[in-house]
Amino acid sequence: MAISSSLLIAVAALFSAVVSVPVAQESNILFDGRLPWNTALSDLDSYSTSPYNAEYVIGAGQKWSDVLKFPLEIPSLFDLKGDKPFEVTINDKSVFSPGGNPQAGFRRSELMPGVNNGLDVTVQGITTFHFSIKEDIHRPLNYSHQYELVFIETNDYSSHVWTLKTGSAFGATKLPAKDAKTLRLGSSTAGGAPEEVLFSVPFGDGSWHNFAVETNWDKNTIAVYYSAGYGLLQKVVKTRTNDATGQGQGAFIKFFSGSIA
């Protein structure tokens, strides 16, 4: 099945060391994935000019300059003056082939913070991941598929600390599923635990959706702040237990489409 979908991200992909503060303070930023106005797509292909991993995770033979776009779009809540949002796309070339073994069952375009090694500062103490996303209405998603949009994966790749999804869940009996056009933030799946939806909001209306996901890596807790458009962040998930003992092999901005024939 031929596919071509994309997600607009004002990645204010920010990791900050903050406690009970939903807006990152510049002095506390551990990783800043925002892109200034003069960034060229080719800059994302080089470790010397990209804040992200310049090689992973994209389809075999692809470069980030093939996958990303700079749309004409008003910046998001988290962007600074002079920043610009970018767009992540997937298509039938988005087949990751680790060790030369194609993962043909799904498509992947993942941006990984360049600082990530699984045990770096972004998974120590208390950190908050700030990001804004919206759908490109000119390249709509196929809501019969499941998309894992943003998540933190444990450093052994066995589970997720938390995941933001949209589309129809794997195994859905009716496609698209009733809740397909929603953003759903799920809990930790460490140790094979079933994922629990912690927060859900309608998606696909052309608005920016802003998140700040706080993880306490020592106490194994999560708290979530959210707003739409340019509204102030509100706490939508009170601080609660969430297994983060596997720490994080990157907080991915991952555009994953499964259930593709």
C-alpha atoms as a PDB file:
ATOM      1  CA  MET A   1       0.000   0.000   0.000  1.00  0.00           C
ATOM      2  CA  ALA A   2       1.504   3.307  -1.002  1.00  0.00           C
ATOM      3  CA  ILE A   3       1.629   5.793   1.822  1.00  0.00           C
ATOM      4  CA  SER A   4       2.734   9.370   2.252  1.00  0.00           C
ATOM      5  CA  SER A   5       1.924  11.081   5.520  1.00  0.00           C
ATOM      6  CA  SER A   6       3.476  13.764   7.629  1.00  0.00           C
ATOM      7  CA  LEU A   7       3.338  15.449  10.980  1.00  0.00           C
ATOM      8  CA  LEU A   8       4.131  19.067  11.621  1.00  0.00           C
ATOM      9  CA  ILE A   9       6.347  19.543  14.637  1.00  0.00           C
ATOM     10  CA  ALA A  10       7.312  22.807  16.207  1.00  0.00           C
ATOM     11  CA  VAL A  11       9.759  20.894  18.020  1.00  0.00           C
ATOM     12  CA  ALA A  12      10.418  22.945  20.705  1.00  0.00           C
ATOM     13  CA  ALA A  13      11.884  19.624  21.538  1.00  0.00           C
ATOM     14  CA  LEU A  14      13.180  20.787  24.849  1.00  0.00           C
ATOM     15  CA  PHE A  15      14.496  18.741  27.696  1.00  0.00           C
ATOM     16  CA  SER A  16      14.702  20.825  30.824  1.00  0.00           C
ATOM     17  CA  ALA A  17      15.646  20.146  34.404  1.00  0.00           C
ATOM     18  CA  VAL A  18      12.676  21.686  36.167  1.00  0.00           C
ATOM     19  CA  VAL A  19      10.609  20.903  39.213  1.00  0.00           C
ATOM     20  CA  SER A  20       6.869  21.684  39.169  1.00  0.00           C
ATOM     21  CA  VAL A  21       7.366  24.320  36.447  1.00  0.00           C
ATOM     22  CA  PRO A  22       5.621  23.600  33.123  1.00  0.00           C
ATOM     23  CA  VAL A  23       7.543  26.204  31.095  1.00  0.00           C
ATOM     24  CA  ALA A  24      11.252  25.603  30.540  1.00  0.00           C
ATOM     25  CA  GLN A  25      13.626  28.221  31.873  1.00  0.00           C
ATOM     26  CA  GLU A  26      16.469  28.939  29.464  1.00  0.00           C
ATOM     27  CA  SER A  27      19.106  28.362  32.166  1.00  0.00           C
ATOM     28  CA  ASN A  28      17.805  24.836  32.823  1.00  0.00           C
ATOM     29  CA  ILE A  29      17.601  23.524  29.266  1.00  0.00           C
ATOM     30  CA  LEU A  30      19.483  20.238  28.885  1.00  0.00           C
ATOM     31  CA  PHE A  31      18.716  19.711  25.191  1.00  0.00           C
ATOM     32  CA  ASP A  32      17.242  22.201  22.733  1.00  0.00           C
ATOM     33  CA  GLY A  33      15.861  20.799  19.486  1.00  0.00           C
ATOM     34  CA  ARG A  34      14.413  24.070  18.187  1.00  0.00           C
ATOM     35  CA  LEU A  35      15.711  25.139  14.809  1.00  0.00           C
ATOM     36  CA  PRO A  36      16.593  28.763  13.975  1.00  0.00           C
ATOM     37  CA  TRP A  37      15.214  30.418  10.859  1.00  0.00           C
ATOM     38  CA  ASN A  38      18.446  30.036   8.874  1.00  0.00           C
ATOM     39  CA  THR A  39      18.701  26.251   9.332  1.00  0.00           C
ATOM     40  CA  ALA A  40      18.981  24.396   6.015  1.00  0.00           C
ATOM     41  CA  LEU A  41      17.615  20.893   5.542  1.00  0.00           C
ATOM     42  CA  SER A  42      21.125  19.707   4.757  1.00  0.00           C
ATOM     43  CA  ASP A  43      22.204  20.833   8.243  1.00  0.00           C
ATOM     44  CA  LEU A  44      20.192  17.936   9.663  1.00  0.00           C
ATOM     45  CA  ASP A  45      22.401  15.471   7.756  1.00  0.00           C
ATOM     46  CA  SER A  46      25.545  16.340   9.726  1.00  0.00           C
ATOM     47  CA  TYR A  47      26.447  15.839  13.381  1.00  0.00           C
ATOM     48  CA  SER A  48      28.328  19.127  13.291  1.00  0.00           C
ATOM     49  CA  THR A  49      25.227  21.166  12.408  1.00  0.00           C
ATOM     50  CA  SER A  50      22.273  19.155  13.758  1.00  0.00           C
ATOM     51  CA  PRO A  51      21.068  18.919  17.369  1.00  0.00           C
ATOM     52  CA  TYR A  52      19.694  15.483  16.471  1.00  0.00           C
ATOM     53  CA  ASN A  53      21.216  12.152  15.555  1.00  0.00           C
ATOM     54  CA  ALA A  54      22.194  12.632  11.917  1.00  0.00           C
ATOM     55  CA  GLU A  55      21.855   8.954  10.940  1.00  0.00           C
ATOM     56  CA  TYR A  56      19.037   7.314  12.910  1.00  0.00           C
ATOM     57  CA  VAL A  57      16.318   6.325  12.611  1.00  0.00           C
ATOM     58  CA  ILE A  58      15.274   6.613   8.967  1.00  0.00           C
ATOM     59  CA  GLY A  59      14.765   4.381   5.968  1.00  0.00           C
ATOM     60  CA  ALA A  60      17.696   2.664   4.288  1.00  0.00           C
ATOM     61  CA  GLY A  61      19.391   5.064   1.895  1.00  0.00           C
ATOM     62  CA  GLN A  62      17.487   8.096   3.175  1.00  0.00           C
ATOM     63  CA  LYS A  63      18.894  11.316   4.613  1.00  0.00           C
ATOM     64  CA  TRP A  64      17.118  13.687   6.948  1.00  0.00           C
ATOM     65  CA  SER A  65      17.103  16.290   4.197  1.00  0.00           C
ATOM     66  CA  ASP A  66      14.911  13.829   2.254  1.00  0.00           C
ATOM     67  CA  VAL A  67      12.541  13.262   5.169  1.00  0.00           C
ATOM     68  CA  LEU A  68      12.112  16.695   6.754  1.00  0.00           C
ATOM     69  CA  LYS A  69      10.390  19.773   5.364  1.00  0.00           C
ATOM     70  CA  PHE A  70      10.174  23.417   6.383  1.00  0.00           C
ATOM     71  CA  PRO A  71       6.543  24.407   5.828  1.00  0.00           C
ATOM     72  CA  LEU A  72       5.152  27.930   5.853  1.00  0.00           C
ATOM     73  CA  GLU A  73       3.674  27.717   9.314  1.00  0.00           C
ATOM     74  CA  ILE A  74       3.256  30.047  12.271  1.00  0.00           C
ATOM     75  CA  PRO A  75       5.620  28.958  15.095  1.00  0.00           C
ATOM     76  CA  SER A  76       4.268  27.217  18.163  1.00  0.00           C
ATOM     77  CA  LEU A  77       3.906  28.199  21.799  1.00  0.00           C
ATOM     78  CA  PHE A  78       7.407  27.004  22.680  1.00  0.00           C
ATOM     79  CA  ASP A  79       9.281  28.571  19.783  1.00  0.00           C
ATOM     80  CA  LEU A  80      11.512  31.558  20.320  1.00  0.00           C
ATOM     81  CA  LYS A  81      11.558  34.556  17.988  1.00  0.00           C
ATOM     82  CA  GLY A  82      13.389  33.414  14.871  1.00  0.00           C
ATOM     83  CA  ASP A  83      12.683  29.685  15.284  1.00  0.00           C
ATOM     84  CA  LYS A  84      10.798  27.712  12.677  1.00  0.00           C
ATOM     85  CA  PRO A  85       8.770  24.492  12.865  1.00  0.00           C
ATOM     86  CA  PHE A  86       9.646  21.497  10.758  1.00  0.00           C
ATOM     87  CA  GLU A  87       7.712  18.617   9.301  1.00  0.00           C
ATOM     88  CA  VAL A  88       8.493  14.905   9.553  1.00  0.00           C
ATOM     89  CA  THR A  89       7.310  12.690   6.708  1.00  0.00           C
ATOM     90  CA  ILE A  90       7.036   8.971   6.033  1.00  0.00           C
ATOM     91  CA  ASN A  91       6.496   7.069   2.811  1.00  0.00           C
ATOM     92  CA  ASP A  92       7.206   3.623   1.404  1.00  0.00           C
ATOM     93  CA  LYS A  93      10.953   4.318   1.582  1.00  0.00           C
ATOM     94  CA  SER A  94      10.772   4.756   5.354  1.00  0.00           C
ATOM     95  CA  VAL A  95      11.800   1.177   6.091  1.00  0.00           C
ATOM     96  CA  PHE A  96      14.555   0.927   8.699  1.00  0.00           C
ATOM     97  CA  SER A  97      17.045  -1.863   7.998  1.00  0.00           C
ATOM     98  CA  PRO A  98      19.233  -2.499  11.072  1.00  0.00           C
ATOM     99  CA  GLY A  99      22.089  -4.801  10.133  1.00  0.00           C
ATOM    100  CA  GLY A 100      20.664  -4.986   6.615  1.00  0.00           C
ATOM    101  CA  ASN A 101      17.440  -6.624   7.834  1.00  0.00           C
ATOM    102  CA  PRO A 102      14.453  -4.548   6.654  1.00  0.00           C
ATOM    103  CA  GLN A 103      11.656  -3.985   9.180  1.00  0.00           C
ATOM    104  CA  ALA A 104       9.008  -4.185   6.494  1.00  0.00           C
ATOM    105  CA  GLY A 105       5.969  -4.279   8.796  1.00  0.00           C
ATOM    106  CA  PHE A 106       6.000  -0.571   9.552  1.00  0.00           C
ATOM    107  CA  ARG A 107       7.521   2.779   8.609  1.00  0.00           C
ATOM    108  CA  ARG A 108       9.843   4.902  10.732  1.00  0.00           C
ATOM    109  CA  SER A 109      11.195   8.429  10.712  1.00  0.00           C
ATOM    110  CA  GLU A 110      12.592   9.131  14.184  1.00  0.00           C
ATOM    111  CA  LEU A 111      14.488  12.170  15.342  1.00  0.00           C
ATOM    112  CA  MET A 112      16.673  11.355  18.321  1.00  0.00           C
ATOM    113  CA  PRO A 113      18.327  14.038  20.452  1.00  0.00           C
ATOM    114  CA  GLY A 114      22.041  14.035  19.756  1.00  0.00           C
ATOM    115  CA  VAL A 115      22.904  13.946  23.461  1.00  0.00           C
ATOM    116  CA  ASN A 116      21.154  10.636  24.046  1.00  0.00           C
ATOM    117  CA  ASN A 117      23.107   7.567  25.055  1.00  0.00           C
ATOM    118  CA  GLY A 118      20.568   5.976  27.391  1.00  0.00           C
ATOM    119  CA  LEU A 119      22.157   7.279  30.584  1.00  0.00           C
ATOM    120  CA  ASP A 120      22.696  10.955  29.748  1.00  0.00           C
ATOM    121  CA  VAL A 121      21.417  14.054  31.569  1.00  0.00           C
ATOM    122  CA  THR A 122      17.990  13.858  29.936  1.00  0.00           C
ATOM    123  CA  VAL A 123      17.203  10.739  31.989  1.00  0.00           C
ATOM    124  CA  GLN A 124      18.613  11.858  35.334  1.00  0.00           C
ATOM    125  CA  GLY A 125      16.803  13.482  38.250  1.00  0.00           C
ATOM    126  CA  ILE A 126      13.633  15.284  37.161  1.00  0.00           C
ATOM    127  CA  THR A 127      13.305  16.280  33.499  1.00  0.00           C
ATOM    128  CA  THR A 128      10.487  17.750  31.432  1.00  0.00           C
ATOM    129  CA  PHE A 129      10.126  17.217  27.696  1.00  0.00           C
ATOM    130  CA  HIS A 130       8.385  20.103  25.912  1.00  0.00           C
ATOM    131  CA  PHE A 131       7.045  19.740  22.366  1.00  0.00           C
ATOM    132  CA  SER A 132       4.287  20.992  20.084  1.00  0.00           C
ATOM    133  CA  ILE A 133       2.711  19.030  17.247  1.00  0.00           C
ATOM    134  CA  LYS A 134       0.001  19.384  14.645  1.00  0.00           C
ATOM    135  CA  GLU A 135      -1.149  17.498  11.571  1.00  0.00           C
ATOM    136  CA  ASP A 136      -0.416  18.813   8.093  1.00  0.00           C
ATOM    137  CA  ILE A 137      -3.907  18.992   6.603  1.00  0.00           C
ATOM    138  CA  HIS A 138      -2.387  18.862   3.110  1.00  0.00           C
ATOM    139  CA  ARG A 139      -0.708  15.517   3.867  1.00  0.00           C
ATOM    140  CA  PRO A 140      -3.272  13.877   6.146  1.00  0.00           C
ATOM    141  CA  LEU A 141      -2.585  10.867   8.292  1.00  0.00           C
ATOM    142  CA  ASN A 142      -4.285   7.560   7.577  1.00  0.00           C
ATOM    143  CA  TYR A 143      -6.155   7.016  10.831  1.00  0.00           C
ATOM    144  CA  SER A 144      -6.626   3.322  10.113  1.00  0.00           C
ATOM    145  CA  HIS A 145      -2.945   3.029  11.073  1.00  0.00           C
ATOM    146  CA  GLN A 146      -1.339   3.572  14.442  1.00  0.00           C
ATOM    147  CA  TYR A 147       1.238   6.333  14.799  1.00  0.00           C
ATOM    148  CA  GLU A 148       3.631   6.599  17.715  1.00  0.00           C
ATOM    149  CA  LEU A 149       4.400  10.285  17.595  1.00  0.00           C
ATOM    150  CA  VAL A 150       6.627  11.000  20.578  1.00  0.00           C
ATOM    151  CA  PHE A 151       7.988   8.664  23.220  1.00  0.00           C
ATOM    152  CA  ILE A 152      10.816   7.721  25.514  1.00  0.00           C
ATOM    153  CA  GLU A 153      12.055   4.187  25.053  1.00  0.00           C
ATOM    154  CA  THR A 154      14.045   2.335  27.702  1.00  0.00           C
ATOM    155  CA  ASN A 155      17.734   2.019  26.939  1.00  0.00           C
ATOM    156  CA  ASP A 156      17.417  -1.732  26.279  1.00  0.00           C
ATOM    157  CA  TYR A 157      14.653  -1.081  23.687  1.00  0.00           C
ATOM    158  CA  SER A 158      12.285  -3.429  25.539  1.00  0.00           C
ATOM    159  CA  SER A 159       9.560  -0.968  26.557  1.00  0.00           C
ATOM    160  CA  HIS A 160       8.457   2.659  26.690  1.00  0.00           C
ATOM    161  CA  VAL A 161       8.479   5.033  29.654  1.00  0.00           C
ATOM    162  CA  TRP A 162       5.620   6.948  28.015  1.00  0.00           C
ATOM    163  CA  THR A 163       4.194   7.236  24.504  1.00  0.00           C
ATOM    164  CA  LEU A 164       2.048   9.737  22.618  1.00  0.00           C
ATOM    165  CA  LYS A 165      -0.024   8.014  19.919  1.00  0.00           C
ATOM    166  CA  THR A 166      -2.743   8.692  17.403  1.00  0.00           C
ATOM    167  CA  GLY A 167      -4.636   6.558  14.893  1.00  0.00           C
ATOM    168  CA  SER A 168      -6.138   3.094  15.364  1.00  0.00           C
ATOM    169  CA  ALA A 169      -4.523   0.834  17.917  1.00  0.00           C
ATOM    170  CA  PHE A 170      -3.045  -2.471  16.790  1.00  0.00           C
ATOM    171  CA  GLY A 171      -5.729  -5.148  16.817  1.00  0.00           C
ATOM    172  CA  ALA A 172      -8.637  -2.744  16.448  1.00  0.00           C
ATOM    173  CA  THR A 173     -11.631  -4.622  15.040  1.00  0.00           C
ATOM    174  CA  LYS A 174     -13.093  -1.584  13.271  1.00  0.00           C
ATOM    175  CA  LEU A 175     -10.957   0.738  11.163  1.00  0.00           C
ATOM    176  CA  PRO A 176     -10.558   3.531  11.725  1.00  0.00           C
ATOM    177  CA  ALA A 177     -11.189   3.018  15.435  1.00  0.00           C
ATOM    178  CA  LYS A 178     -13.656   5.239  17.262  1.00  0.00           C
ATOM    179  CA  ASP A 179     -10.859   7.075  19.064  1.00  0.00           C
ATOM    180  CA  ALA A 180      -8.494   7.166  16.079  1.00  0.00           C
ATOM    181  CA  LYS A 181      -8.497  10.959  15.705  1.00  0.00           C
ATOM    182  CA  THR A 182      -7.250  11.609  19.213  1.00  0.00           C
ATOM    183  CA  LEU A 183      -3.869  12.154  20.813  1.00  0.00           C
ATOM    184  CA  ARG A 184      -3.410   9.578  23.569  1.00  0.00           C
ATOM    185  CA  LEU A 185      -0.587   9.715  26.070  1.00  0.00           C
ATOM    186  CA  GLY A 186       0.115   6.270  27.492  1.00  0.00           C
ATOM    187  CA  SER A 187       1.909   5.065  30.603  1.00  0.00           C
ATOM    188  CA  SER A 188       5.016   2.932  31.037  1.00  0.00           C
ATOM    189  CA  THR A 189       5.060  -0.575  29.578  1.00  0.00           C
ATOM    190  CA  ALA A 190       8.121  -1.666  31.573  1.00  0.00           C
ATOM    191  CA  GLY A 191       8.125  -5.316  32.594  1.00  0.00           C
ATOM    192  CA  GLY A 192       5.321  -6.078  30.159  1.00  0.00           C
ATOM    193  CA  ALA A 193       2.817  -3.859  31.991  1.00  0.00           C
ATOM    194  CA  PRO A 194      -0.269  -2.987  29.937  1.00  0.00           C
ATOM    195  CA  GLU A 195      -0.323   0.600  28.728  1.00  0.00           C
ATOM    196  CA  GLU A 196      -2.837   2.893  30.406  1.00  0.00           C
ATOM    197  CA  VAL A 197      -4.118   5.987  28.615  1.00  0.00           C
ATOM    198  CA  LEU A 198      -3.338   8.864  30.971  1.00  0.00           C
ATOM    199  CA  PHE A 199      -4.658  11.701  28.804  1.00  0.00           C
ATOM    200  CA  SER A 200      -6.589  11.988  25.555  1.00  0.00           C
ATOM    201  CA  VAL A 201      -7.605  14.956  23.406  1.00  0.00           C
ATOM    202  CA  PRO A 202      -9.126  15.310  19.880  1.00  0.00           C
ATOM    203  CA  PHE A 203      -6.554  15.677  17.081  1.00  0.00           C
ATOM    204  CA  GLY A 204      -6.530  16.700  13.436  1.00  0.00           C
ATOM    205  CA  ASP A 205      -8.189  20.106  13.716  1.00  0.00           C
ATOM    206  CA  GLY A 206      -5.176  22.057  12.465  1.00  0.00           C
ATOM    207  CA  SER A 207      -4.292  23.440  15.903  1.00  0.00           C
ATOM    208  CA  TRP A 208      -0.980  23.218  17.706  1.00  0.00           C
ATOM    209  CA  HIS A 209      -1.014  20.795  20.634  1.00  0.00           C
ATOM    210  CA  ASN A 210       1.524  21.618  23.328  1.00  0.00           C
ATOM    211  CA  PHE A 211       2.846  19.139  25.869  1.00  0.00           C
ATOM    212  CA  ALA A 212       5.246  19.196  28.791  1.00  0.00           C
ATOM    213  CA  VAL A 213       5.839  15.674  30.129  1.00  0.00           C
ATOM    214  CA  GLU A 214       7.687  15.554  33.429  1.00  0.00           C
ATOM    215  CA  THR A 215       9.506  12.379  34.502  1.00  0.00           C
ATOM    216  CA  ASN A 216      11.057  11.809  37.914  1.00  0.00           C
ATOM    217  CA  TRP A 217      13.703   9.190  37.141  1.00  0.00           C
ATOM    218  CA  ASP A 218      14.496   8.615  40.816  1.00  0.00           C
ATOM    219  CA  LYS A 219      10.970   8.299  42.187  1.00  0.00           C
ATOM    220  CA  ASN A 220       9.413   6.741  39.054  1.00  0.00           C
ATOM    221  CA  THR A 221       6.631   9.261  38.554  1.00  0.00           C
ATOM    222  CA  ILE A 222       5.083  11.193  35.671  1.00  0.00           C
ATOM    223  CA  ALA A 223       3.091  14.420  35.386  1.00  0.00           C
ATOM    224  CA  VAL A 224       1.698  15.950  32.183  1.00  0.00           C
ATOM    225  CA  TYR A 225       0.862  19.527  31.181  1.00  0.00           C
ATOM    226  CA  TYR A 226      -1.069  20.416  28.017  1.00  0.00           C
ATOM    227  CA  SER A 227      -2.578  23.299  26.073  1.00  0.00           C
ATOM    228  CA  ALA A 228      -3.998  23.899  22.604  1.00  0.00           C
ATOM    229  CA  GLY A 229      -2.980  26.741  20.328  1.00  0.00           C
ATOM    230  CA  TYR A 230      -1.250  29.417  22.355  1.00  0.00           C
ATOM    231  CA  GLY A 231      -3.011  28.772  25.652  1.00  0.00           C
ATOM    232  CA  LEU A 232      -1.181  28.439  28.948  1.00  0.00           C
ATOM    233  CA  LEU A 233      -0.198  24.925  29.906  1.00  0.00           C
ATOM    234  CA  GLN A 234      -2.489  23.230  32.404  1.00  0.00           C
ATOM    235  CA  LYS A 235      -1.725  20.136  34.466  1.00  0.00           C
ATOM    236  CA  VAL A 236      -3.820  17.346  32.955  1.00  0.00           C
ATOM    237  CA  VAL A 237      -2.160  14.348  34.636  1.00  0.00           C
ATOM    238  CA  LYS A 238      -1.402  14.741  38.325  1.00  0.00           C
ATOM    239  CA  THR A 239       1.899  13.340  39.540  1.00  0.00           C
ATOM    240  CA  ARG A 240       1.518   9.571  39.691  1.00  0.00           C
ATOM    241  CA  THR A 241       3.560   6.387  39.647  1.00  0.00           C
ATOM    242  CA  ASN A 242       5.126   5.483  36.297  1.00  0.00           C
ATOM    243  CA  ASP A 243       7.968   2.985  35.991  1.00  0.00           C
ATOM    244  CA  ALA A 244      11.054   4.757  34.596  1.00  0.00           C
ATOM    245  CA  THR A 245      13.712   2.373  35.896  1.00  0.00           C
ATOM    246  CA  GLY A 246      14.856   1.517  32.362  1.00  0.00           C
ATOM    247  CA  GLN A 247      15.843   5.179  31.875  1.00  0.00           C
ATOM    248  CA  GLY A 248      15.771   6.258  28.248  1.00  0.00           C
ATOM    249  CA  GLN A 249      17.451   5.424  25.005  1.00  0.00           C
ATOM    250  CA  GLY A 250      16.403   8.721  23.590  1.00  0.00           C
ATOM    251  CA  ALA A 251      13.228  10.699  23.672  1.00  0.00           C
ATOM    252  CA  PHE A 252      12.251  10.149  20.110  1.00  0.00           C
ATOM    253  CA  ILE A 253      10.157  12.321  17.956  1.00  0.00           C
ATOM    254  CA  LYS A 254       9.061   9.244  16.156  1.00  0.00           C
ATOM    255  CA  PHE A 255       6.695   9.031  13.268  1.00  0.00           C
ATOM    256  CA  PHE A 256       5.755   5.370  13.266  1.00  0.00           C
ATOM    257  CA  SER A 257       3.047   3.827  11.159  1.00  0.00           C
ATOM    258  CA  GLY A 258       2.151   0.240  11.783  1.00  0.00           C
ATOM    259  CA  SER A 259      -0.437  -2.085  10.284  1.00  0.00           C
ATOM    260  CA  ILE A 260       0.789  -1.371   6.776  1.00  0.00           C
ATOM    261  CA  ALA A 261       0.311  -4.089   4.182  1.00  0.00           C
END
